[in-house]
Amino acid sequence: MSNSDPVEVEVTFLRVTSAAVLVECDEIEIWLPREKVQFDGLLDHCEKGELIEVTVPEWLAYDRGLI
């Protein structure tokens, strides 16, 4: 697996802005840039506290402590 391979992670949705999405993983709040996050659906329609699965580059997941 290369550093740019995408990985899927399950996180808790908290909120979204035009630039980033705030999620929680293992009780830690993490900001992810929207341009790097893939999600089946619309982030603008998620409810706070909802479990969602997002796809992010492996390097970003590692950098933010998601894996």
PDB file of N, CA and C in Angstrom:
ATOM      1  N   MET A   1       0.853  -1.182   0.000  1.00  0.00           N
ATOM      2  CA  MET A   1       0.000   0.000   0.000  1.00  0.00           C
ATOM      3  C   MET A   1       0.892   1.235   0.000  1.00  0.00           C
ATOM      4  N   SER A   2       0.619   2.144  -0.913  1.00  0.00           N
ATOM      5  CA  SER A   2       1.413   3.369  -0.948  1.00  0.00           C
ATOM      6  C   SER A   2       0.770   4.420  -0.060  1.00  0.00           C
ATOM      7  N   ASN A   3       1.520   5.456   0.217  1.00  0.00           N
ATOM      8  CA  ASN A   3       1.048   6.523   1.100  1.00  0.00           C
ATOM      9  C   ASN A   3      -0.162   7.269   0.553  1.00  0.00           C
ATOM     10  N   SER A   4      -0.389   7.172  -0.760  1.00  0.00           N
ATOM     11  CA  SER A   4      -1.509   7.912  -1.339  1.00  0.00           C
ATOM     12  C   SER A   4      -2.747   7.039  -1.532  1.00  0.00           C
ATOM     13  N   ASP A   5      -2.659   5.744  -1.194  1.00  0.00           N
ATOM     14  CA  ASP A   5      -3.819   4.871  -1.319  1.00  0.00           C
ATOM     15  C   ASP A   5      -4.928   5.352  -0.397  1.00  0.00           C
ATOM     16  N   PRO A   6      -6.171   5.278  -0.853  1.00  0.00           N
ATOM     17  CA  PRO A   6      -7.279   5.686   0.017  1.00  0.00           C
ATOM     18  C   PRO A   6      -7.593   4.626   1.067  1.00  0.00           C
ATOM     19  N   VAL A   7      -8.009   5.070   2.226  1.00  0.00           N
ATOM     20  CA  VAL A   7      -8.444   4.168   3.291  1.00  0.00           C
ATOM     21  C   VAL A   7      -9.813   4.630   3.763  1.00  0.00           C
ATOM     22  N   GLU A   8     -10.626   3.665   4.179  1.00  0.00           N
ATOM     23  CA  GLU A   8     -11.952   3.983   4.712  1.00  0.00           C
ATOM     24  C   GLU A   8     -11.896   3.910   6.229  1.00  0.00           C
ATOM     25  N   VAL A   9     -12.458   4.921   6.866  1.00  0.00           N
ATOM     26  CA  VAL A   9     -12.501   4.953   8.323  1.00  0.00           C
ATOM     27  C   VAL A   9     -13.899   5.349   8.779  1.00  0.00           C
ATOM     28  N   GLU A  10     -14.320   4.777   9.896  1.00  0.00           N
ATOM     29  CA  GLU A  10     -15.607   5.135  10.477  1.00  0.00           C
ATOM     30  C   GLU A  10     -15.367   6.166  11.566  1.00  0.00           C
ATOM     31  N   VAL A  11     -16.075   7.267  11.471  1.00  0.00           N
ATOM     32  CA  VAL A  11     -15.915   8.378  12.408  1.00  0.00           C
ATOM     33  C   VAL A  11     -17.294   8.895  12.799  1.00  0.00           C
ATOM     34  N   THR A  12     -17.323   9.713  13.819  1.00  0.00           N
ATOM     35  CA  THR A  12     -18.559  10.376  14.228  1.00  0.00           C
ATOM     36  C   THR A  12     -18.563  11.787  13.659  1.00  0.00           C
ATOM     37  N   PHE A  13     -19.601  12.106  12.914  1.00  0.00           N
ATOM     38  CA  PHE A  13     -19.735  13.431  12.314  1.00  0.00           C
ATOM     39  C   PHE A  13     -20.082  14.452  13.397  1.00  0.00           C
ATOM     40  N   LEU A  14     -19.408  15.613  13.355  1.00  0.00           N
ATOM     41  CA  LEU A  14     -19.721  16.696  14.293  1.00  0.00           C
ATOM     42  C   LEU A  14     -20.255  17.923  13.574  1.00  0.00           C
ATOM     43  N   ARG A  15     -19.507  18.421  12.574  1.00  0.00           N
ATOM     44  CA  ARG A  15     -20.005  19.564  11.801  1.00  0.00           C
ATOM     45  C   ARG A  15     -19.171  19.735  10.544  1.00  0.00           C
ATOM     46  N   VAL A  16     -19.673  20.576   9.656  1.00  0.00           N
ATOM     47  CA  VAL A  16     -18.994  20.800   8.391  1.00  0.00           C
ATOM     48  C   VAL A  16     -18.994  22.290   8.068  1.00  0.00           C
ATOM     49  N   THR A  17     -17.906  22.731   7.450  1.00  0.00           N
ATOM     50  CA  THR A  17     -17.809  24.098   6.943  1.00  0.00           C
ATOM     51  C   THR A  17     -17.552  23.993   5.443  1.00  0.00           C
ATOM     52  N   SER A  18     -17.404  25.118   4.795  1.00  0.00           N
ATOM     53  CA  SER A  18     -17.119  25.079   3.357  1.00  0.00           C
ATOM     54  C   SER A  18     -15.739  24.494   3.071  1.00  0.00           C
ATOM     55  N   ALA A  19     -14.840  24.523   4.050  1.00  0.00           N
ATOM     56  CA  ALA A  19     -13.476  24.061   3.828  1.00  0.00           C
ATOM     57  C   ALA A  19     -13.135  22.721   4.482  1.00  0.00           C
ATOM     58  N   ALA A  20     -13.853  22.351   5.542  1.00  0.00           N
ATOM     59  CA  ALA A  20     -13.445  21.159   6.289  1.00  0.00           C
ATOM     60  C   ALA A  20     -14.626  20.496   6.976  1.00  0.00           C
ATOM     61  N   VAL A  21     -14.391  19.258   7.394  1.00  0.00           N
ATOM     62  CA  VAL A  21     -15.391  18.522   8.166  1.00  0.00           C
ATOM     63  C   VAL A  21     -14.762  18.154   9.509  1.00  0.00           C
ATOM     64  N   LEU A  22     -15.515  18.377  10.577  1.00  0.00           N
ATOM     65  CA  LEU A  22     -15.054  18.047  11.921  1.00  0.00           C
ATOM     66  C   LEU A  22     -15.661  16.708  12.309  1.00  0.00           C
ATOM     67  N   VAL A  23     -14.785  15.762  12.639  1.00  0.00           N
ATOM     68  CA  VAL A  23     -15.230  14.429  13.034  1.00  0.00           C
ATOM     69  C   VAL A  23     -14.593  14.076  14.368  1.00  0.00           C
ATOM     70  N   GLU A  24     -15.097  13.005  14.948  1.00  0.00           N
ATOM     71  CA  GLU A  24     -14.524  12.511  16.201  1.00  0.00           C
ATOM     72  C   GLU A  24     -14.145  11.055  16.002  1.00  0.00           C
ATOM     73  N   CYS A  25     -12.965  10.699  16.472  1.00  0.00           N
ATOM     74  CA  CYS A  25     -12.482   9.332  16.406  1.00  0.00           C
ATOM     75  C   CYS A  25     -11.765   9.044  17.720  1.00  0.00           C
ATOM     76  N   ASP A  26     -12.194   8.007  18.418  1.00  0.00           N
ATOM     77  CA  ASP A  26     -11.602   7.665  19.720  1.00  0.00           C
ATOM     78  C   ASP A  26     -11.603   8.857  20.673  1.00  0.00           C
ATOM     79  N   GLU A  27     -12.719   9.586  20.692  1.00  0.00           N
ATOM     80  CA  GLU A  27     -12.940  10.736  21.582  1.00  0.00           C
ATOM     81  C   GLU A  27     -12.020  11.921  21.295  1.00  0.00           C
ATOM     82  N   ILE A  28     -11.430  11.962  20.091  1.00  0.00           N
ATOM     83  CA  ILE A  28     -10.575  13.074  19.685  1.00  0.00           C
ATOM     84  C   ILE A  28     -11.231  13.769  18.497  1.00  0.00           C
ATOM     85  N   GLU A  29     -11.376  15.100  18.565  1.00  0.00           N
ATOM     86  CA  GLU A  29     -11.940  15.865  17.460  1.00  0.00           C
ATOM     87  C   GLU A  29     -10.856  16.116  16.413  1.00  0.00           C
ATOM     88  N   ILE A  30     -11.210  15.870  15.154  1.00  0.00           N
ATOM     89  CA  ILE A  30     -10.248  15.964  14.057  1.00  0.00           C
ATOM     90  C   ILE A  30     -10.875  16.734  12.905  1.00  0.00           C
ATOM     91  N   TRP A  31     -10.175  17.743  12.404  1.00  0.00           N
ATOM     92  CA  TRP A  31     -10.602  18.467  11.212  1.00  0.00           C
ATOM     93  C   TRP A  31      -9.987  17.802   9.983  1.00  0.00           C
ATOM     94  N   LEU A  32     -10.815  17.539   8.977  1.00  0.00           N
ATOM     95  CA  LEU A  32     -10.354  16.972   7.714  1.00  0.00           C
ATOM     96  C   LEU A  32     -10.741  17.924   6.586  1.00  0.00           C
ATOM     97  N   PRO A  33      -9.803  18.231   5.684  1.00  0.00           N
ATOM     98  CA  PRO A  33     -10.144  19.120   4.573  1.00  0.00           C
ATOM     99  C   PRO A  33     -11.161  18.454   3.647  1.00  0.00           C
ATOM    100  N   ARG A  34     -12.221  19.164   3.308  1.00  0.00           N
ATOM    101  CA  ARG A  34     -13.286  18.603   2.462  1.00  0.00           C
ATOM    102  C   ARG A  34     -12.759  18.105   1.132  1.00  0.00           C
ATOM    103  N   GLU A  35     -11.746  18.798   0.597  1.00  0.00           N
ATOM    104  CA  GLU A  35     -11.222  18.402  -0.708  1.00  0.00           C
ATOM    105  C   GLU A  35     -10.529  17.045  -0.670  1.00  0.00           C
ATOM    106  N   LYS A  36     -10.188  16.549   0.510  1.00  0.00           N
ATOM    107  CA  LYS A  36      -9.515  15.258   0.653  1.00  0.00           C
ATOM    108  C   LYS A  36     -10.445  14.142   1.105  1.00  0.00           C
ATOM    109  N   VAL A  37     -11.682  14.482   1.483  1.00  0.00           N
ATOM    110  CA  VAL A  37     -12.623  13.508   2.044  1.00  0.00           C
ATOM    111  C   VAL A  37     -13.632  13.072   0.984  1.00  0.00           C
ATOM    112  N   GLN A  38     -13.812  11.762   0.862  1.00  0.00           N
ATOM    113  CA  GLN A  38     -14.872  11.233   0.014  1.00  0.00           C
ATOM    114  C   GLN A  38     -15.893  10.571   0.927  1.00  0.00           C
ATOM    115  N   PHE A  39     -17.162  10.789   0.595  1.00  0.00           N
ATOM    116  CA  PHE A  39     -18.241  10.295   1.430  1.00  0.00           C
ATOM    117  C   PHE A  39     -19.426   9.974   0.538  1.00  0.00           C
ATOM    118  N   ASP A  40     -20.047   8.814   0.738  1.00  0.00           N
ATOM    119  CA  ASP A  40     -21.238   8.462  -0.027  1.00  0.00           C
ATOM    120  C   ASP A  40     -22.426   9.227   0.537  1.00  0.00           C
ATOM    121  N   GLY A  41     -22.746  10.336  -0.062  1.00  0.00           N
ATOM    122  CA  GLY A  41     -23.829  11.185   0.415  1.00  0.00           C
ATOM    123  C   GLY A  41     -23.364  12.621   0.476  1.00  0.00           C
ATOM    124  N   LEU A  42     -24.152  13.450   1.097  1.00  0.00           N
ATOM    125  CA  LEU A  42     -23.832  14.861   1.226  1.00  0.00           C
ATOM    126  C   LEU A  42     -23.477  15.183   2.670  1.00  0.00           C
ATOM    127  N   LEU A  43     -22.277  15.660   2.879  1.00  0.00           N
ATOM    128  CA  LEU A  43     -21.851  16.005   4.237  1.00  0.00           C
ATOM    129  C   LEU A  43     -22.752  17.065   4.847  1.00  0.00           C
ATOM    130  N   ASP A  44     -23.321  17.922   4.013  1.00  0.00           N
ATOM    131  CA  ASP A  44     -24.195  18.984   4.515  1.00  0.00           C
ATOM    132  C   ASP A  44     -25.500  18.443   5.088  1.00  0.00           C
ATOM    133  N   HIS A  45     -25.799  17.160   4.849  1.00  0.00           N
ATOM    134  CA  HIS A  45     -27.043  16.573   5.341  1.00  0.00           C
ATOM    135  C   HIS A  45     -26.828  15.595   6.498  1.00  0.00           C
ATOM    136  N   CYS A  46     -25.620  15.492   6.995  1.00  0.00           N
ATOM    137  CA  CYS A  46     -25.334  14.609   8.128  1.00  0.00           C
ATOM    138  C   CYS A  46     -25.812  15.260   9.424  1.00  0.00           C
ATOM    139  N   GLU A  47     -26.184  14.426  10.364  1.00  0.00           N
ATOM    140  CA  GLU A  47     -26.603  14.898  11.682  1.00  0.00           C
ATOM    141  C   GLU A  47     -25.439  14.777  12.661  1.00  0.00           C
ATOM    142  N   LYS A  48     -25.317  15.735  13.566  1.00  0.00           N
ATOM    143  CA  LYS A  48     -24.282  15.683  14.589  1.00  0.00           C
ATOM    144  C   LYS A  48     -24.436  14.386  15.385  1.00  0.00           C
ATOM    145  N   GLY A  49     -23.322  13.663  15.564  1.00  0.00           N
ATOM    146  CA  GLY A  49     -23.336  12.411  16.303  1.00  0.00           C
ATOM    147  C   GLY A  49     -23.544  11.181  15.430  1.00  0.00           C
ATOM    148  N   GLU A  50     -23.817  11.400  14.139  1.00  0.00           N
ATOM    149  CA  GLU A  50     -24.046  10.292  13.204  1.00  0.00           C
ATOM    150  C   GLU A  50     -22.721   9.608  12.858  1.00  0.00           C
ATOM    151  N   LEU A  51     -22.722   8.269  12.878  1.00  0.00           N
ATOM    152  CA  LEU A  51     -21.550   7.520  12.434  1.00  0.00           C
ATOM    153  C   LEU A  51     -21.524   7.533  10.920  1.00  0.00           C
ATOM    154  N   ILE A  52     -20.387   7.926  10.354  1.00  0.00           N
ATOM    155  CA  ILE A  52     -20.237   7.942   8.904  1.00  0.00           C
ATOM    156  C   ILE A  52     -18.928   7.259   8.535  1.00  0.00           C
ATOM    157  N   GLU A  53     -18.873   6.761   7.319  1.00  0.00           N
ATOM    158  CA  GLU A  53     -17.645   6.173   6.805  1.00  0.00           C
ATOM    159  C   GLU A  53     -17.106   7.119   5.742  1.00  0.00           C
ATOM    160  N   VAL A  54     -15.859   7.532   5.914  1.00  0.00           N
ATOM    161  CA  VAL A  54     -15.232   8.436   4.961  1.00  0.00           C
ATOM    162  C   VAL A  54     -14.000   7.768   4.370  1.00  0.00           C
ATOM    163  N   THR A  55     -13.664   8.183   3.168  1.00  0.00           N
ATOM    164  CA  THR A  55     -12.460   7.705   2.500  1.00  0.00           C
ATOM    165  C   THR A  55     -11.504   8.876   2.404  1.00  0.00           C
ATOM    166  N   VAL A  56     -10.287   8.662   2.903  1.00  0.00           N
ATOM    167  CA  VAL A  56      -9.259   9.703   2.890  1.00  0.00           C
ATOM    168  C   VAL A  56      -7.941   9.072   2.454  1.00  0.00           C
ATOM    169  N   PRO A  57      -7.006   9.875   1.955  1.00  0.00           N
ATOM    170  CA  PRO A  57      -5.691   9.328   1.621  1.00  0.00           C
ATOM    171  C   PRO A  57      -5.032   8.738   2.870  1.00  0.00           C
ATOM    172  N   GLU A  58      -4.301   7.669   2.691  1.00  0.00           N
ATOM    173  CA  GLU A  58      -3.651   6.998   3.823  1.00  0.00           C
ATOM    174  C   GLU A  58      -2.760   7.956   4.615  1.00  0.00           C
ATOM    175  N   TRP A  59      -2.023   8.818   3.932  1.00  0.00           N
ATOM    176  CA  TRP A  59      -1.110   9.728   4.637  1.00  0.00           C
ATOM    177  C   TRP A  59      -1.883  10.661   5.568  1.00  0.00           C
ATOM    178  N   LEU A  60      -3.074  11.103   5.119  1.00  0.00           N
ATOM    179  CA  LEU A  60      -3.879  12.007   5.936  1.00  0.00           C
ATOM    180  C   LEU A  60      -4.470  11.275   7.141  1.00  0.00           C
ATOM    181  N   ALA A  61      -4.941  10.064   6.918  1.00  0.00           N
ATOM    182  CA  ALA A  61      -5.485   9.260   8.011  1.00  0.00           C
ATOM    183  C   ALA A  61      -4.422   9.000   9.066  1.00  0.00           C
ATOM    184  N   TYR A  62      -3.221   8.706   8.622  1.00  0.00           N
ATOM    185  CA  TYR A  62      -2.105   8.465   9.557  1.00  0.00           C
ATOM    186  C   TYR A  62      -1.728   9.767  10.278  1.00  0.00           C
ATOM    187  N   ASP A  63      -1.642  10.863   9.525  1.00  0.00           N
ATOM    188  CA  ASP A  63      -1.250  12.168  10.087  1.00  0.00           C
ATOM    189  C   ASP A  63      -2.240  12.635  11.159  1.00  0.00           C
ATOM    190  N   ARG A  64      -3.537  12.362  10.966  1.00  0.00           N
ATOM    191  CA  ARG A  64      -4.560  12.821  11.898  1.00  0.00           C
ATOM    192  C   ARG A  64      -4.907  11.795  12.971  1.00  0.00           C
ATOM    193  N   GLY A  65      -4.212  10.650  12.959  1.00  0.00           N
ATOM    194  CA  GLY A  65      -4.434   9.661  14.001  1.00  0.00           C
ATOM    195  C   GLY A  65      -5.662   8.784  13.790  1.00  0.00           C
ATOM    196  N   LEU A  66      -6.132   8.693  12.554  1.00  0.00           N
ATOM    197  CA  LEU A  66      -7.292   7.863  12.266  1.00  0.00           C
ATOM    198  C   LEU A  66      -6.927   6.388  12.106  1.00  0.00           C
ATOM    199  N   ILE A  67      -5.663   6.120  11.801  1.00  0.00           N
ATOM    200  CA  ILE A  67      -5.181   4.739  11.692  1.00  0.00           C
ATOM    201  C   ILE A  67      -3.880   4.590  12.438  1.00  0.00           C
TER     202      ILE A  67
END
